[in-house]
């Protein structure tokens, strides 16, 4: 079916979308995303009205885009165009933002970062949204998108939110940082994680402290980091102490 869509003309794909039975429409939308031909994406652009379509169908489209194994710049442009400047249902907007992060990451893995205008537009969309977000839940969504994108240049932004944000924001920022490979866990990142784990600036929830400790222990930990974590276990709750001790024992093995 996808192969057929790849060779179909725009008008044929559009007609198929418009005439598909309601229960089959999500399948056709997913297949059109998977086809990723110029015609299929143009047909989706004409067919999907983000102001009118059922939320479930729009989310199906966005999930299909986010999980596309090798997305095109045109697919990212379609998602960005559908999100741009529209009053959307909150769940659709959130799914769309997270999908943008996923698409940016996969396009960067194809060595298209800095080469494609839409990739830069996607990154800017997330960063502008993060700076303008007023509600904590919105900030968390944009941090999840940054975690999906995994762009090293956004690490300083993630560190700011990890150290200064409320509990949910701190947790989302640290979770995003944990997705980066070891070569991007710099001394600056480790210093911030030490401040969070040892609560040098303020108190943090135990889940945030544990996540910070995991970053330290999972990325070429120094002997001093291991010693300081071990010393800290004497002042922690039993569950936290046990978790960290098992973590260090597993690393040693």
Protein backbone atom coordinates (compact mmCIF):
# COMPACT_ATOMS: atom_id res chain seq x y z
CA UNK A 1 0.00 0.00 0.00
CA UNK A 2 2.85 2.40 0.84
CA UNK A 3 4.59 1.53 -2.43
CA UNK A 4 1.37 2.33 -4.26
CA UNK A 5 1.12 5.69 -2.51
CA UNK A 6 4.71 6.52 -3.44
CA UNK A 7 3.85 6.26 -7.12
CA UNK A 8 0.42 7.95 -6.85
CA UNK A 9 -0.36 11.50 -7.85
CA UNK A 10 -1.45 14.10 -5.30
CA UNK A 11 -5.06 14.15 -6.48
CA UNK A 12 -5.30 10.36 -6.13
CA UNK A 13 -3.91 10.36 -2.58
CA UNK A 14 -6.21 13.24 -1.66
CA UNK A 15 -9.22 11.43 -3.09
CA UNK A 16 -8.27 8.32 -1.14
CA UNK A 17 -8.04 10.33 2.09
CA UNK A 18 -11.39 12.02 1.48
CA UNK A 19 -13.26 8.82 0.60
CA UNK A 20 -11.70 6.46 3.13
CA UNK A 21 -14.17 5.03 5.69
CA UNK A 22 -13.83 6.66 9.10
CA UNK A 23 -12.35 3.53 10.71
CA UNK A 24 -9.75 3.23 7.91
CA UNK A 25 -8.72 6.89 7.82
CA UNK A 26 -6.01 6.68 10.56
CA UNK A 27 -4.39 3.80 8.64
CA UNK A 28 -4.40 5.77 5.37
CA UNK A 29 -2.92 8.82 7.12
CA UNK A 30 -0.13 6.72 8.62
CA UNK A 31 0.59 5.12 5.25
CA UNK A 32 0.73 8.53 3.55
CA UNK A 33 3.25 9.71 6.15
CA UNK A 34 5.30 6.55 5.67
CA UNK A 35 5.28 7.01 1.87
CA UNK A 36 6.84 10.50 2.25
CA UNK A 37 6.54 11.26 -1.44
CA UNK A 38 6.05 14.87 -2.50
CA UNK A 39 2.53 13.98 -3.65
CA UNK A 40 1.50 12.14 -0.45
CA UNK A 41 2.79 14.94 1.82
CA UNK A 42 1.10 17.60 -0.33
CA UNK A 43 -2.15 15.64 -0.13
CA UNK A 44 -1.84 15.40 3.66
CA UNK A 45 -1.19 19.13 3.83
CA UNK A 46 -4.41 19.85 1.94
CA UNK A 47 -6.44 17.23 3.80
CA UNK A 48 -5.47 17.81 7.43
CA UNK A 49 -7.18 20.83 8.93
CA UNK A 50 -5.75 21.23 12.43
CA UNK A 51 -8.66 23.45 13.35
CA UNK A 52 -11.36 20.95 12.43
CA UNK A 53 -10.11 17.35 12.33
CA UNK A 54 -10.70 15.10 15.37
CA UNK A 55 -7.89 15.28 17.91
CA UNK A 56 -7.30 11.53 17.63
CA UNK A 57 -6.61 11.74 13.88
CA UNK A 58 -4.25 14.70 14.25
CA UNK A 59 -2.34 12.91 17.02
CA UNK A 60 -2.15 9.79 14.82
CA UNK A 61 -0.53 11.90 12.09
CA UNK A 62 1.93 13.48 14.52
CA UNK A 63 2.90 10.12 16.09
CA UNK A 64 3.46 8.67 12.63
CA UNK A 65 5.72 11.60 11.79
CA UNK A 66 7.62 11.37 15.10
CA UNK A 67 8.30 7.64 14.70
CA UNK A 68 9.26 7.83 11.04
CA UNK A 69 12.67 6.09 10.91
CA UNK A 70 14.16 8.30 8.19
CA UNK A 71 12.08 11.47 7.87
CA UNK A 72 12.49 14.04 5.13
CA UNK A 73 12.85 17.79 5.42
CA UNK A 74 9.44 18.05 3.72
CA UNK A 75 7.82 16.03 6.52
CA UNK A 76 9.28 18.36 9.16
CA UNK A 77 8.09 21.36 7.15
CA UNK A 78 4.57 19.91 7.00
CA UNK A 79 4.47 19.42 10.79
CA UNK A 80 5.83 22.91 11.46
CA UNK A 81 3.38 24.51 9.03
CA UNK A 82 0.45 22.76 10.71
CA UNK A 83 1.59 23.92 14.16
CA UNK A 84 2.46 27.47 13.17
CA UNK A 85 0.24 30.25 14.44
CA UNK A 86 -2.88 28.21 15.03
CA UNK A 87 -5.17 27.74 18.02
CA UNK A 88 -4.76 24.03 18.66
CA UNK A 89 -6.08 21.64 21.25
CA UNK A 90 -3.43 21.48 24.03
CA UNK A 91 -2.80 17.75 23.54
CA UNK A 92 -2.31 18.21 19.78
CA UNK A 93 0.12 21.10 20.32
CA UNK A 94 2.09 19.13 22.92
CA UNK A 95 2.33 16.06 20.69
CA UNK A 96 3.38 18.28 17.78
CA UNK A 97 6.17 19.98 19.74
CA UNK A 98 7.58 16.64 20.92
CA UNK A 99 7.31 15.31 17.34
CA UNK A 100 9.34 18.28 16.07
CA UNK A 101 12.13 17.38 18.50
CA UNK A 102 12.13 13.79 17.26
CA UNK A 103 12.22 14.84 13.61
CA UNK A 104 15.05 17.31 14.23
CA UNK A 105 17.11 14.59 15.92
CA UNK A 106 16.66 12.12 13.06
CA UNK A 107 17.45 14.71 10.40
CA UNK A 108 20.60 15.64 12.32
CA UNK A 109 21.57 11.96 12.38
CA UNK A 110 21.39 12.17 8.58
CA UNK A 111 24.01 14.95 8.78
CA UNK A 112 21.47 17.62 7.83
CA UNK A 113 21.94 19.88 10.88
CA UNK A 114 23.04 23.32 9.73
CA UNK A 115 22.35 22.41 6.10
CA UNK A 116 18.58 22.40 6.01
CA UNK A 117 16.53 25.50 6.76
CA UNK A 118 13.67 23.48 8.21
CA UNK A 119 15.92 21.86 10.81
CA UNK A 120 16.97 25.28 12.08
CA UNK A 121 13.34 26.38 12.00
CA UNK A 122 12.38 23.35 14.09
CA UNK A 123 15.04 24.07 16.70
CA UNK A 124 14.06 27.74 16.86
CA UNK A 125 10.39 26.77 17.25
CA UNK A 126 11.22 24.72 20.35
CA UNK A 127 13.56 27.30 21.89
CA UNK A 128 11.18 30.23 21.30
CA UNK A 129 8.33 28.21 22.76
CA UNK A 130 10.43 27.32 25.79
CA UNK A 131 11.36 30.95 26.44
CA UNK A 132 7.75 32.13 26.13
CA UNK A 133 6.08 29.28 28.04
CA UNK A 134 4.30 30.55 31.13
CA UNK A 135 2.87 27.37 32.62
CA UNK A 136 5.04 24.69 34.17
CA UNK A 137 3.38 21.97 32.07
CA UNK A 138 4.25 23.86 28.88
CA UNK A 139 7.90 24.20 29.93
CA UNK A 140 8.06 20.44 30.57
CA UNK A 141 6.74 19.71 27.06
CA UNK A 142 9.38 21.91 25.41
CA UNK A 143 12.11 20.29 27.54
CA UNK A 144 10.88 16.87 26.40
CA UNK A 145 11.17 18.12 22.82
CA UNK A 146 14.76 19.25 23.47
CA UNK A 147 15.47 15.83 24.94
CA UNK A 148 14.16 14.24 21.75
CA UNK A 149 16.25 16.58 19.59
CA UNK A 150 19.49 15.82 21.52
CA UNK A 151 21.36 18.84 20.19
CA UNK A 152 24.61 19.56 22.10
CA UNK A 153 24.14 23.33 21.67
CA UNK A 154 21.00 23.15 23.85
CA UNK A 155 22.82 21.62 26.84
CA UNK A 156 23.45 25.03 28.56
CA UNK A 157 19.70 25.75 28.32
CA UNK A 158 18.88 22.36 29.82
CA UNK A 159 21.35 22.96 32.66
CA UNK A 160 19.69 26.29 33.53
CA UNK A 161 16.28 24.66 33.82
CA UNK A 162 17.70 21.66 35.68
CA UNK A 163 19.20 23.80 38.44
CA UNK A 164 16.66 26.60 38.71
CA UNK A 165 13.31 25.09 37.84
CA UNK A 166 10.59 23.63 40.05
CA UNK A 167 10.53 19.87 40.59
CA UNK A 168 8.75 18.83 37.38
CA UNK A 169 10.92 21.15 35.27
CA UNK A 170 14.13 19.96 36.93
CA UNK A 171 13.11 16.33 36.38
CA UNK A 172 12.34 16.94 32.69
CA UNK A 173 15.61 18.81 32.10
CA UNK A 174 17.74 16.13 33.79
CA UNK A 175 15.86 13.43 31.88
CA UNK A 176 16.74 15.24 28.65
CA UNK A 177 20.40 15.47 29.67
CA UNK A 178 20.53 11.73 30.41
CA UNK A 179 19.80 11.02 26.75
CA UNK A 180 23.08 12.55 25.57
CA UNK A 181 26.04 10.23 24.93
CA UNK A 182 29.04 10.37 27.26
CA UNK A 183 31.11 12.67 25.03
CA UNK A 184 28.61 15.47 25.64
CA UNK A 185 28.54 15.09 29.43
CA UNK A 186 31.16 17.76 30.01
CA UNK A 187 32.73 19.04 33.20
CA UNK A 188 30.09 21.81 33.25
CA UNK A 189 27.31 19.23 33.13
CA UNK A 190 28.93 17.20 35.91
CA UNK A 191 29.41 20.28 38.09
CA UNK A 192 25.72 21.09 37.78
CA UNK A 193 24.76 17.49 38.61
CA UNK A 194 26.99 17.62 41.70
CA UNK A 195 25.26 20.80 42.87
CA UNK A 196 21.87 19.17 42.39
CA UNK A 197 22.75 15.86 44.05
CA UNK A 198 24.51 17.48 47.02
CA UNK A 199 21.90 20.30 47.15
CA UNK A 200 24.49 23.08 47.11
CA UNK A 201 22.06 25.81 46.06
CA UNK A 202 18.61 24.59 47.11
CA UNK A 203 16.66 21.46 47.97
CA UNK A 204 15.62 19.06 45.22
CA UNK A 205 13.20 16.16 45.12
CA UNK A 206 14.84 12.78 45.65
CA UNK A 207 14.01 11.60 42.12
CA UNK A 208 15.89 14.61 40.72
CA UNK A 209 18.86 13.96 43.00
CA UNK A 210 18.95 10.30 41.98
CA UNK A 211 18.82 11.21 38.29
CA UNK A 212 21.68 13.68 38.79
CA UNK A 213 23.71 11.01 40.58
CA UNK A 214 23.06 8.58 37.73
CA UNK A 215 24.49 11.04 35.22
CA UNK A 216 27.62 11.31 37.36
CA UNK A 217 27.95 7.55 37.82
CA UNK A 218 27.15 6.57 34.23
CA UNK A 219 29.59 8.89 32.46
CA UNK A 220 33.19 8.09 33.37
CA UNK A 221 32.86 9.01 37.06
CA UNK A 222 35.90 10.31 38.90
CA UNK A 223 37.01 8.51 42.08
CA UNK A 224 35.99 11.61 44.06
CA UNK A 225 32.48 11.53 42.62
CA UNK A 226 32.10 7.90 43.70
CA UNK A 227 33.46 8.65 47.17
CA UNK A 228 31.15 11.66 47.61
CA UNK A 229 28.10 9.70 46.50
CA UNK A 230 29.02 6.90 48.92
CA UNK A 231 29.46 9.37 51.77
CA UNK A 232 26.11 10.96 50.95
CA UNK A 233 24.29 7.63 51.21
CA UNK A 234 24.64 7.81 55.01
CA UNK A 235 22.27 10.78 55.04
CA UNK A 236 19.76 9.45 52.48
CA UNK A 237 16.60 7.43 52.84
CA UNK A 238 17.11 3.67 52.78
CA UNK A 239 15.64 3.24 49.27
CA UNK A 240 17.82 5.97 47.75
CA UNK A 241 20.95 4.70 49.49
CA UNK A 242 20.31 1.11 48.39
CA UNK A 243 19.70 2.19 44.80
CA UNK A 244 22.95 4.17 44.63
CA UNK A 245 25.00 1.42 46.29
CA UNK A 246 23.67 -1.13 43.79
CA UNK A 247 24.43 1.30 40.97
CA UNK A 248 28.04 1.66 42.08
CA UNK A 249 28.42 -2.11 42.58
CA UNK A 250 27.09 -2.75 39.06
CA UNK A 251 29.52 -0.18 37.63
CA UNK A 252 32.40 -1.88 39.44
CA UNK A 253 31.40 -5.28 38.04
